[in-house]
Protein backbone atom coordinates (compact mmCIF):
# COMPACT_ATOMS: atom_id res chain seq x y z
CA MET A 1 91.20 115.98 155.45
CA PRO A 2 88.33 117.82 154.97
CA THR A 3 88.44 119.80 151.52
CA THR A 4 88.95 123.59 151.14
CA SER A 5 87.38 124.00 147.48
CA SER A 6 84.26 122.73 145.47
CA ILE A 7 82.56 123.04 142.46
CA ARG A 8 78.49 123.11 142.74
CA ILE A 9 76.32 122.09 140.21
CA ASP A 10 73.08 123.14 140.68
CA LEU A 11 70.20 120.39 139.11
CA ASP A 12 67.27 122.66 139.38
CA ALA A 13 69.16 125.68 138.03
CA LEU A 14 70.33 123.41 134.84
CA GLU A 15 66.47 122.03 134.37
CA GLY A 16 65.26 125.25 134.55
CA ASN A 17 67.78 126.49 131.57
CA LEU A 18 67.13 123.44 129.96
CA GLU A 19 63.38 124.04 130.11
CA ALA A 20 64.24 127.26 129.03
CA VAL A 21 66.13 126.22 125.68
CA ALA A 22 63.40 124.07 125.37
CA LYS A 23 60.44 126.54 124.97
CA ALA A 24 62.56 128.91 122.80
CA ALA A 25 63.50 126.25 120.43
CA GLY A 26 59.71 125.43 120.37
CA GLY A 27 58.26 128.83 119.76
CA GLY A 28 56.46 129.43 123.35
CA ILE A 29 56.24 125.50 124.30
CA PRO A 30 58.77 123.37 125.36
CA ASP A 31 60.22 121.22 122.53
CA TRP A 32 62.87 118.52 123.81
CA LYS A 33 63.24 117.07 120.60
CA ARG A 34 64.55 120.52 119.37
CA VAL A 35 67.36 120.51 122.16
CA CYS A 36 71.00 119.17 121.92
CA ALA A 37 73.10 119.63 124.70
CA VAL A 38 76.62 120.29 123.66
CA VAL A 39 78.64 118.64 126.55
CA LYS A 40 82.07 118.21 125.09
CA SER A 41 85.46 118.53 126.77
CA ASP A 42 83.52 116.61 129.69
CA ALA A 43 80.70 119.03 129.81
CA TYR A 44 83.36 121.75 130.09
CA GLY A 45 84.91 120.08 132.96
CA LEU A 46 82.01 119.73 134.74
CA GLY A 47 81.85 115.64 134.19
CA ALA A 48 79.65 114.97 131.19
CA PRO A 49 78.70 111.11 131.99
CA ARG A 50 77.24 112.66 135.52
CA ILE A 51 76.03 116.03 133.56
CA ALA A 52 74.36 113.95 130.70
CA GLY A 53 72.59 111.53 132.76
CA SER A 54 70.93 114.09 134.64
CA MET A 55 69.81 116.19 131.45
CA ALA A 56 68.23 112.75 129.76
CA GLU A 57 66.36 112.27 132.82
CA MET A 58 65.23 116.40 132.22
CA GLY A 59 63.85 115.35 129.05
CA VAL A 60 67.38 115.67 126.73
CA ARG A 61 67.01 113.46 124.05
CA THR A 62 70.31 114.22 121.84
CA PHE A 63 73.78 115.71 122.88
CA ALA A 64 76.38 116.21 121.23
CA ALA A 65 80.43 115.57 122.37
CA TYR A 66 83.70 116.18 120.44
CA HIS A 67 85.54 112.57 120.68
CA PRO A 68 83.90 109.08 120.40
CA GLU A 69 85.37 107.87 123.58
CA GLU A 70 83.61 110.75 124.82
CA ALA A 71 80.49 110.10 122.76
CA LEU A 72 80.07 106.51 124.48
CA SER A 73 80.54 107.82 128.12
CA VAL A 74 77.84 109.93 127.65
CA ALA A 75 75.56 107.59 125.32
CA CYS A 76 75.75 104.90 127.93
CA ALA A 77 75.08 108.07 130.83
CA ALA A 78 72.01 108.96 128.73
CA ARG A 79 70.28 105.79 128.30
CA GLY A 80 68.20 105.94 125.17
CA ALA A 81 69.54 109.53 123.83
CA ASP A 82 71.59 110.08 120.44
CA VAL A 83 74.76 111.54 120.72
CA LEU A 84 76.56 113.24 117.89
CA VAL A 85 80.17 113.16 117.34
CA LEU A 86 81.50 116.41 116.66
CA MET A 87 85.25 115.59 115.09
CA PRO A 88 86.05 113.86 111.81
CA VAL A 89 86.23 110.05 112.44
CA HIS A 90 87.20 107.46 110.06
CA GLN A 91 87.08 104.55 112.19
CA LEU A 92 84.51 103.10 114.58
CA ASP A 93 85.14 101.56 118.12
CA ARG A 94 84.47 98.05 117.83
CA GLY A 95 84.09 97.30 121.85
CA GLY A 96 80.96 95.74 123.38
CA ALA A 97 79.21 98.99 124.34
CA ALA A 98 80.12 100.50 121.53
CA MET A 99 78.85 97.90 118.80
CA HIS A 100 75.58 97.89 121.00
CA LEU A 101 74.96 101.79 120.74
CA LEU A 102 76.08 101.65 117.19
CA ALA A 103 73.66 98.84 116.06
CA ASP A 104 71.23 100.77 117.54
CA GLY A 105 72.03 103.40 116.03
CA LYS A 106 72.56 105.60 119.10
CA LEU A 107 75.72 107.28 117.83
CA HIS A 108 75.78 109.58 115.10
CA PHE A 109 78.43 110.90 112.88
CA THR A 110 79.52 114.38 111.18
CA ALA A 111 80.46 114.40 107.75
CA HIS A 112 83.46 116.62 106.93
CA SER A 113 84.75 115.14 103.66
CA ILE A 114 83.89 112.49 101.00
CA ASP A 115 87.21 110.66 101.85
CA GLN A 116 85.70 110.30 105.48
CA VAL A 117 82.22 109.80 104.70
CA ARG A 118 83.80 106.68 102.71
CA ASP A 119 86.12 105.33 105.38
CA LEU A 120 83.13 105.21 107.70
CA GLU A 121 80.61 103.86 105.08
CA LEU A 122 83.46 100.39 104.75
CA GLU A 123 83.57 100.31 108.61
CA ALA A 124 79.87 100.34 108.70
CA ALA A 125 79.76 97.74 106.11
CA GLY A 126 82.29 95.77 107.87
CA LEU A 127 80.16 95.93 110.68
CA GLY A 128 77.15 95.27 109.03
CA ILE A 129 75.47 98.46 110.78
CA VAL A 130 74.30 101.80 109.73
CA LEU A 131 75.35 104.88 110.51
CA PRO A 132 73.67 108.30 111.29
CA MET A 133 75.38 111.08 109.75
CA HIS A 134 75.20 114.62 109.79
CA LEU A 135 76.54 116.79 107.22
CA GLU A 136 78.00 119.94 108.31
CA LEU A 137 78.07 122.66 105.97
CA ASP A 138 81.23 125.30 106.74
CA THR A 139 79.57 128.78 106.33
CA GLY A 140 82.29 130.79 107.71
CA MET A 141 83.83 129.12 111.18
CA GLY A 142 86.73 127.88 108.94
CA ARG A 143 87.63 124.43 111.16
CA GLY A 144 85.73 121.40 110.35
CA GLY A 145 83.11 120.81 108.17
CA CYS A 146 83.15 121.37 104.36
CA GLU A 147 82.32 123.67 101.33
CA ASP A 148 79.37 124.21 99.47
CA ARG A 149 81.20 122.80 96.63
CA ASP A 150 82.04 119.41 98.01
CA ALA A 151 78.71 119.26 100.35
CA LEU A 152 75.89 118.40 97.42
CA GLY A 153 78.26 115.21 96.59
CA ILE A 154 78.73 114.15 100.15
CA LEU A 155 75.14 113.97 100.57
CA ALA A 156 74.58 112.64 97.05
CA HIS A 157 77.21 109.64 98.50
CA ILE A 158 75.20 109.29 101.41
CA ARG A 159 71.45 109.34 100.00
CA GLN A 160 72.76 106.47 97.65
CA SER A 161 74.78 104.24 100.51
CA SER A 162 72.84 101.11 102.15
CA ARG A 163 75.17 101.82 105.09
CA MET A 164 74.26 105.30 106.06
CA ARG A 165 71.52 107.47 106.21
CA LEU A 166 71.65 111.42 106.73
CA ALA A 167 69.80 112.21 110.05
CA GLY A 168 70.91 115.87 109.98
CA VAL A 169 72.32 118.76 108.07
CA MET A 170 74.39 121.38 110.77
CA THR A 171 76.50 124.46 110.43
CA HIS A 172 78.21 126.72 113.14
CA LEU A 173 77.97 130.07 113.46
CA PRO A 174 80.75 132.18 113.96
CA ASP A 175 79.29 135.65 114.73
CA ALA A 176 76.40 135.36 116.00
CA LEU A 177 77.10 137.76 118.89
CA ASP A 178 79.78 139.82 117.81
CA ASP A 179 77.99 140.52 114.36
CA ALA A 180 74.08 139.96 114.25
CA ASP A 181 73.41 140.85 110.80
CA SER A 182 76.33 138.46 109.47
CA ALA A 183 74.99 135.99 111.40
CA ARG A 184 71.54 136.11 110.14
CA ASP A 185 73.30 136.26 106.65
CA ARG A 186 74.86 132.85 107.20
CA GLY A 187 71.77 131.58 108.27
CA ARG A 188 70.10 132.18 104.99
CA ARG A 189 73.49 131.00 103.41
CA PHE A 190 72.91 127.72 105.09
CA ARG A 191 68.72 128.05 104.20
CA SER A 192 69.94 128.69 100.64
CA PHE A 193 72.21 125.90 100.56
CA LEU A 194 69.11 123.20 101.64
CA GLU A 195 66.83 124.45 99.28
CA GLU A 196 69.49 123.95 96.59
CA ALA A 197 70.08 120.39 98.12
CA GLY A 198 66.26 119.60 97.88
CA ASP A 199 65.63 115.95 97.76
CA LEU A 200 68.97 114.92 99.08
CA VAL A 201 67.52 116.32 102.35
CA PRO A 202 65.00 114.15 103.25
CA ALA A 203 62.21 115.85 105.48
CA GLU A 204 63.16 113.69 108.60
CA ALA A 205 66.84 114.78 108.24
CA ARG A 206 67.18 117.59 111.52
CA ARG A 207 68.76 121.02 110.37
CA HIS A 208 70.59 122.87 113.35
CA ALA A 209 73.01 125.24 113.98
CA ALA A 210 75.37 125.49 116.76
CA ALA A 211 75.90 129.28 118.84
CA THR A 212 73.44 129.71 121.93
CA ALA A 213 72.59 133.13 120.51
CA ALA A 214 70.45 131.38 118.07
CA LEU A 215 68.59 131.33 120.93
CA HIS A 216 67.41 134.66 120.28
CA ASP A 217 67.06 135.09 116.70
CA SER A 218 64.11 132.71 115.26
CA THR A 219 66.04 132.62 111.82
CA LEU A 220 68.55 131.02 113.36
CA ARG A 221 66.91 128.23 115.10
CA PHE A 222 65.54 125.53 112.09
CA ASP A 223 64.45 121.99 113.42
CA MET A 224 67.09 121.91 116.66
CA VAL A 225 69.63 124.10 118.24
CA ARG A 226 72.90 123.05 119.90
CA VAL A 227 73.86 124.99 122.80
CA GLY A 228 76.54 124.54 125.28
CA LEU A 229 77.23 127.36 127.81
CA ALA A 230 73.49 128.17 127.88
CA TRP A 231 72.91 125.07 129.89
CA THR A 232 75.40 126.29 132.65
CA GLY A 233 72.84 129.63 132.94
CA HIS A 234 75.47 131.69 130.88
CA HIS A 235 75.72 133.13 127.54
CA PRO A 236 78.91 133.83 125.68
CA ARG A 237 81.04 137.18 125.94
CA GLY A 238 79.29 140.45 126.45
CA ALA A 239 75.69 138.96 125.64
CA ALA A 240 76.26 137.57 129.45
CA LEU A 241 76.31 140.75 131.16
CA THR A 242 73.32 142.09 129.08
CA PRO A 243 69.26 141.51 129.14
CA SER A 244 67.97 138.61 127.56
CA SER A 245 64.83 137.23 126.68
CA ILE A 246 65.34 133.51 127.82
CA SER A 247 65.34 133.40 131.42
CA LEU A 248 68.68 131.53 132.38
CA LYS A 249 70.21 130.80 135.94
CA PRO A 250 73.66 130.39 136.78
CA ALA A 251 74.04 126.32 137.75
CA ILE A 252 77.85 126.59 138.48
CA SER A 253 79.38 127.85 141.71
CA TRP A 254 82.98 127.77 143.19
CA TRP A 255 83.20 127.53 146.93
CA SER A 256 86.31 127.81 149.14
CA ARG A 257 87.08 128.97 152.59
CA LEU A 258 89.37 131.04 154.25
CA ILE A 259 92.49 128.80 156.20
CA GLN A 260 93.97 131.61 158.37
CA VAL A 261 93.21 134.88 158.78
CA ARG A 262 96.14 137.77 160.41
CA ARG A 263 97.06 141.21 160.65
CA LEU A 264 99.53 143.39 158.55
CA SER A 265 100.81 146.69 159.36
CA ALA A 266 100.63 149.56 156.92
CA GLY A 267 103.55 149.53 154.71
CA ARG A 268 104.05 145.88 154.20
CA THR A 269 104.27 143.93 150.72
CA ILE A 270 102.06 140.97 149.13
CA GLY A 271 103.19 138.69 147.20
CA TYR A 272 105.70 137.68 144.58
CA GLY A 273 107.48 140.52 142.89
CA CYS A 274 106.03 143.00 145.95
CA THR A 275 103.97 144.40 143.45
CA THR A 276 101.01 145.52 145.98
CA THR A 277 102.06 147.67 149.16
CA ILE A 278 99.71 148.49 151.52
CA ASP A 279 98.84 151.71 152.80
CA ARG A 280 96.85 151.07 155.75
CA ASP A 281 96.94 148.31 158.65
CA THR A 282 95.28 145.44 156.94
CA VAL A 283 93.46 142.22 158.12
CA ALA A 284 94.23 139.60 155.60
CA GLY A 285 92.58 136.37 154.87
CA LEU A 286 94.55 133.53 152.94
CA VAL A 287 92.06 131.52 150.57
CA PRO A 288 93.74 127.98 149.31
CA VAL A 289 92.77 128.78 145.80
CA GLY A 290 95.39 130.07 142.75
CA TYR A 291 95.85 129.28 139.16
CA ALA A 292 96.52 125.60 139.50
CA ASP A 293 93.22 125.48 140.45
CA GLY A 294 92.19 127.25 137.54
CA LEU A 295 91.74 131.04 138.63
CA PRO A 296 94.28 132.74 136.22
CA SER A 297 95.88 135.87 136.93
CA SER A 298 93.46 138.86 136.55
CA ARG A 299 94.70 141.53 133.44
CA THR A 300 92.04 144.26 134.42
CA GLY A 301 93.00 144.94 138.24
CA PRO A 302 92.90 142.38 141.39
CA HIS A 303 90.48 139.96 140.83
CA ARG A 304 87.60 139.74 143.68
CA LEU A 305 86.21 136.71 145.94
CA VAL A 306 82.99 136.77 147.99
CA VAL A 307 83.80 136.45 151.73
CA HIS A 308 80.66 135.43 154.15
CA GLY A 309 81.17 137.21 157.35
CA GLN A 310 79.19 137.38 160.22
CA ARG A 311 77.34 140.83 158.53
CA GLY A 312 76.73 138.73 154.93
CA ALA A 313 78.69 138.62 152.15
CA VAL A 314 81.15 140.96 150.63
CA SER A 315 83.23 141.59 147.51
CA VAL A 316 86.61 141.80 148.65
CA PRO A 317 90.15 142.25 146.65
CA VAL A 318 92.94 140.04 145.93
CA LEU A 319 96.36 141.67 147.07
CA GLY A 320 99.38 140.86 145.46
CA ARG A 321 100.31 138.48 142.40
CA MET A 322 97.88 135.20 141.98
CA ASN A 323 99.63 132.17 143.49
CA MET A 324 99.81 128.53 142.87
CA ASP A 325 97.84 127.32 145.37
CA GLN A 326 96.78 130.05 147.51
CA CYS A 327 95.86 134.02 147.26
CA VAL A 328 95.46 136.49 150.04
CA VAL A 329 92.71 138.91 149.80
CA ASP A 330 91.67 142.23 152.02
CA LEU A 331 89.14 141.56 154.83
CA THR A 332 89.64 144.60 156.57
CA ASP A 333 86.10 145.84 155.20
CA VAL A 334 84.37 142.93 156.02
CA GLY A 335 83.79 143.21 159.60
CA PRO A 336 83.85 140.09 161.98
CA VAL A 337 84.66 137.05 160.42
CA ASP A 338 84.91 133.61 161.41
CA ALA A 339 88.37 132.03 161.15
CA HIS A 340 87.23 129.77 158.03
CA ALA A 341 84.31 131.69 156.81
CA ASP A 342 82.78 130.64 153.40
CA VAL A 343 84.39 132.39 149.96
CA GLU A 344 82.85 132.46 146.73
CA ILE A 345 85.15 131.85 143.49
CA ILE A 346 82.49 132.05 141.25
CA SER A 347 78.90 132.51 142.10
CA ALA A 348 75.56 131.21 141.18
CA ASP A 349 74.04 134.70 141.49
CA ALA A 350 74.05 136.29 137.75
CA ASP A 351 74.16 140.08 139.93
CA SER A 352 77.47 138.92 141.96
CA PRO A 353 81.19 140.64 141.31
CA VAL A 354 82.52 136.79 140.99
CA ALA A 355 79.18 135.77 138.28
CA LEU A 356 81.26 133.84 135.94
CA PRO A 357 81.16 136.07 133.33
CA ARG A 358 82.86 138.58 135.07
CA VAL A 359 85.73 136.25 136.33
CA ALA A 360 86.30 135.37 133.09
CA ALA A 361 86.38 139.32 131.82
CA ARG A 362 89.27 140.21 134.47
CA SER A 363 91.05 137.35 133.21
CA GLU A 364 90.38 137.98 129.70
CA VAL A 365 89.21 134.47 128.49
CA MET A 366 85.91 133.43 127.86
CA PRO A 367 83.34 131.67 130.21
CA TYR A 368 84.15 128.09 128.36
CA GLU A 369 87.87 129.04 128.81
CA LEU A 370 87.66 129.43 132.31
CA LEU A 371 85.21 126.67 132.85
CA CYS A 372 87.31 124.32 130.79
CA GLY A 373 90.39 124.88 133.01
CA LEU A 374 89.12 124.64 136.65
CA SER A 375 91.25 121.74 137.66
CA ALA A 376 90.19 118.07 138.01
CA ARG A 377 91.43 117.97 142.06
CA ILE A 378 88.86 120.45 143.12
CA PRO A 379 85.66 117.94 143.90
CA ARG A 380 81.96 118.39 141.68
CA MET A 381 79.16 118.55 144.11
CA ILE A 382 75.68 117.96 142.57
CA VAL A 383 73.08 120.20 144.47
CA THR A 384 69.57 120.98 144.79
CA SER A 385 66.98 122.56 146.32
CA GLY A 386 66.45 122.32 149.86
CA VAL A 387 66.89 123.08 153.58
CA ARG A 388 68.15 120.24 155.46
CA ARG A 389 72.25 120.81 156.15
CA GLU A 390 74.21 117.73 155.31
CA ALA A 391 77.89 117.27 155.69
CA SER A 392 79.73 115.01 152.95
CA GLN A 393 81.11 111.66 154.45
CA ALA A 394 83.95 111.81 152.06
CA THR A 395 84.74 115.23 152.63
CA GLY A 396 83.68 116.64 155.65
CA LEU A 397 82.47 119.89 153.35
CA ALA A 398 79.10 120.94 154.15
CA VAL A 399 76.11 122.47 152.45
CA ASP A 400 74.98 125.11 154.35
CA PRO A 401 70.66 126.10 153.22
CA ALA A 402 71.90 130.03 153.81
CA GLU A 403 72.92 128.59 149.82
CA SER A 404 69.83 127.63 149.19
CA ARG A 405 71.14 124.18 148.44
CA ASN A 406 71.60 120.42 149.43
CA ARG A 407 74.09 118.13 148.39
CA ILE A 408 72.71 115.29 146.68
CA GLY A 409 75.22 113.73 144.52
CA PHE A 410 79.50 113.81 144.45
CA GLY A 411 82.27 112.83 142.16
């Protein structure tokens, strides 16, 4: 049975976004050594091995994941790259693939506390390896990491250990978009700590901070920037809707199609609870997408979808409540429409009414949250620029050149 929905990942946009990040991090000249691509939560539900493998081919040499298992899959896909494990880890995987990567120093770990560091030191000694470590200084996030008073002791312990080397010192900025002045203060605090640490932080150790907004402020970039949503072509929260000096292009889109078109008379109610009554004769379309697919109910008025009718793309409102597997849209003003016309749920056009930040804002969630909530049952397609129409043998889903893309991968 042909699929009725797909999430498309545009490799050209992805590469352009990463190059823009590398250029910003390098002060105008792309410097891939200064880029750490965060691909935690399975690359925000898009498929971490698939995404990381593509990024590695583009030039990214450092990645960050949260769980060790995820880091292992990323390291295997992005051959030769370093992968930083963000969570506090106390034990090491002794499996074959993990042992190879550990021996080569490709799996890096984050130091959060002295007890955790000592546990890892014993693990490394038992395996006869040296672990690359990144100290995380908590400058206000209040979750992982350590306080200033503990950090110097951890650095001293790592320095004297024969089973560890300091590969980096890092922090995570909690308010880089909400309060730029506060973010700069935290950046200054991080710099002050590095100055206080002195020789405990060797020159080859990378200083790095996480927050896409750090790309806009040179004082927050340090030696490397960790970016997540930026590689998808978006900025978190309100910055996603404001002009930026960094040129990013949305790389993610979500497509479906109509599966039914019918006429409803004025006065009819739509959906559970009869919350919507139509005041005119209406052409209603059924789209097989609902909250089980990851499109939550709108909190700020009706959701909108973009239907591609015979006269072009038209934004239409969702009528009634969002359902588990489907929703109803008003096609009355679309004009002639094919029975199985394409429908955009999330658009790769930054100005579209269904651009990721706008869909997220209507649901009162962050873009990250919306991406991570997309159901695994929706096929993910890797696409790239092209002019030839190609149908997937696996699903029967065609990617139209009018959408400016050809499918080259599927998973």
